[in-house]
Protein backbone atom coordinates (compact mmCIF):
# COMPACT_ATOMS: atom_id res chain seq x y z
CA UNK A 1 108.87 178.75 76.54
CA UNK A 2 112.36 179.17 75.56
CA UNK A 3 114.93 176.14 77.66
CA UNK A 4 117.37 177.58 79.10
CA UNK A 5 120.94 176.71 78.19
CA UNK A 6 123.73 175.34 81.27
CA UNK A 7 127.63 175.12 82.09
CA UNK A 8 127.58 171.29 82.24
CA UNK A 9 129.93 171.63 85.05
CA UNK A 10 126.18 173.07 86.05
CA UNK A 11 123.79 169.94 85.77
CA UNK A 12 121.40 168.54 87.67
CA UNK A 13 119.59 165.57 87.77
CA UNK A 14 115.28 165.59 88.07
CA UNK A 15 112.67 162.85 88.41
CA UNK A 16 109.67 162.92 87.30
CA UNK A 17 107.52 160.54 89.30
CA UNK A 18 103.95 158.75 88.90
CA UNK A 19 101.71 157.65 90.53
CA UNK A 20 98.73 156.74 89.09
CA UNK A 21 97.86 159.63 86.11
CA UNK A 22 99.78 162.26 88.30
CA UNK A 23 103.37 163.64 88.88
CA UNK A 24 104.41 164.87 92.09
CA UNK A 25 105.45 167.90 92.75
CA UNK A 26 107.51 170.41 95.52
CA UNK A 27 107.41 173.24 96.28
CA UNK A 28 110.90 175.13 97.43
CA UNK A 29 111.16 176.06 100.85
CA UNK A 30 110.38 179.78 101.04
CA UNK A 31 114.11 179.97 102.77
CA UNK A 32 115.94 178.68 99.55
CA UNK A 33 117.95 181.36 98.38
CA UNK A 34 117.49 180.81 94.66
CA UNK A 35 113.89 179.68 93.43
CA UNK A 36 112.50 180.07 97.13
CA UNK A 37 108.45 178.74 97.24
CA UNK A 38 108.65 177.73 92.90
CA UNK A 39 107.39 174.27 92.25
CA UNK A 40 109.81 171.44 90.93
CA UNK A 41 110.43 168.04 90.33
CA UNK A 42 112.62 166.31 92.83
CA UNK A 43 115.82 166.47 91.45
CA UNK A 44 119.49 168.39 92.09
CA UNK A 45 123.44 168.05 91.64
CA UNK A 46 125.04 165.74 90.49
CA UNK A 47 127.74 164.26 93.11
CA UNK A 48 131.73 163.66 91.93
CA UNK A 49 131.58 159.41 90.70
CA UNK A 50 127.37 159.43 89.79
CA UNK A 51 125.79 158.80 87.13
CA UNK A 52 122.95 161.11 86.64
CA UNK A 53 120.51 158.25 87.22
CA UNK A 54 121.68 157.47 90.67
CA UNK A 55 121.39 161.15 90.87
CA UNK A 56 118.14 161.27 89.87
CA UNK A 57 117.31 158.15 91.93
CA UNK A 58 118.90 159.53 95.11
CA UNK A 59 117.51 162.90 95.33
CA UNK A 60 114.08 161.49 94.90
CA UNK A 61 115.21 159.86 98.03
CA UNK A 62 116.29 162.89 100.31
CA UNK A 63 113.87 165.24 99.12
CA UNK A 64 110.99 162.81 98.39
CA UNK A 65 111.38 159.76 100.48
CA UNK A 66 110.37 157.88 97.36
CA UNK A 67 112.50 155.05 95.77
CA UNK A 68 111.07 154.99 91.80
CA UNK A 69 110.64 152.26 90.53
CA UNK A 70 110.63 151.64 86.07
CA UNK A 71 113.30 153.95 86.10
CA UNK A 72 113.82 155.03 82.29
CA UNK A 73 115.99 158.11 80.96
CA UNK A 74 113.89 160.53 79.96
CA UNK A 75 115.45 163.51 78.21
CA UNK A 76 117.67 166.27 78.48
CA UNK A 77 116.28 169.26 78.89
CA UNK A 78 118.22 172.45 79.96
CA UNK A 79 120.71 171.92 82.65
CA UNK A 80 118.40 168.82 83.51
CA UNK A 81 119.22 165.00 83.12
CA UNK A 82 115.77 164.20 83.07
CA UNK A 83 114.18 160.61 84.08
CA UNK A 84 111.24 159.02 84.75
CA UNK A 85 109.44 156.32 86.88
CA UNK A 86 106.25 155.42 89.42
CA UNK A 87 105.58 155.11 92.66
CA UNK A 88 102.97 153.24 95.18
CA UNK A 89 104.93 155.81 97.72
CA UNK A 90 103.57 158.72 99.39
CA UNK A 91 105.92 161.63 100.11
CA UNK A 92 107.58 162.51 102.91
CA UNK A 93 109.51 166.09 102.61
CA UNK A 94 113.06 166.98 103.85
CA UNK A 95 113.86 170.30 104.55
CA UNK A 96 114.48 171.85 101.08
CA UNK A 97 110.03 171.68 100.35
CA UNK A 98 107.59 173.45 102.08
CA UNK A 99 104.85 171.48 100.17
CA UNK A 100 103.70 168.68 98.04
CA UNK A 101 101.44 167.86 95.16
CA UNK A 102 100.77 165.02 92.74
CA UNK A 103 99.74 167.04 89.50
CA UNK A 104 97.10 166.32 86.58
CA UNK A 105 97.88 168.12 83.46
CA UNK A 106 95.63 170.57 84.55
CA UNK A 107 97.30 171.87 87.40
CA UNK A 108 100.03 172.66 85.32
CA UNK A 109 99.08 176.35 84.50
CA UNK A 110 98.27 177.06 88.51
CA UNK A 111 101.64 176.63 89.99
CA UNK A 112 104.72 179.20 89.54
CA UNK A 113 107.62 176.16 88.18
CA UNK A 114 111.60 176.83 88.26
CA UNK A 115 112.73 177.34 84.67
CA UNK A 116 111.82 174.61 81.84
CA UNK A 117 109.86 172.42 84.78
CA UNK A 118 107.12 173.05 81.96
CA UNK A 119 108.11 172.01 79.40
CA UNK A 120 109.18 168.66 80.54
CA UNK A 121 106.00 167.74 82.77
CA UNK A 122 103.99 168.63 79.50
CA UNK A 123 106.35 166.11 77.61
CA UNK A 124 104.82 163.55 80.49
CA UNK A 125 101.81 164.03 80.24
CA UNK A 126 101.39 163.61 76.79
CA UNK A 127 103.47 160.89 75.79
CA UNK A 128 102.52 158.85 79.06
CA UNK A 129 98.85 159.72 80.21
CA UNK A 130 96.05 158.93 77.45
């Protein structure tokens, strides 16, 4: 799968949230204009005056009701500045998503993801799960 490159002004901040050995993914609402019904990591636009890390944490709080712990930078993938952390919390999603799941590596193939998400998920599982 090829990483899609996007202009810097269009970058977003995303978050990989581990709970035990699974990663949180959200199914975008069927009402969304872009990528409706596709699975993704919590994330969104970086607001003016906000760092990508702050945006990733804020978006995770807004979209999943989770404040991740042990936050670290994970990498840049196309338009996504990705951070990684962990939680013991149960997600509470907002109207931007219709569903949430904590998935294992083998579940990646069974879901329809937005661009670049599969690359990020595979690397996260490879590096973080034994």
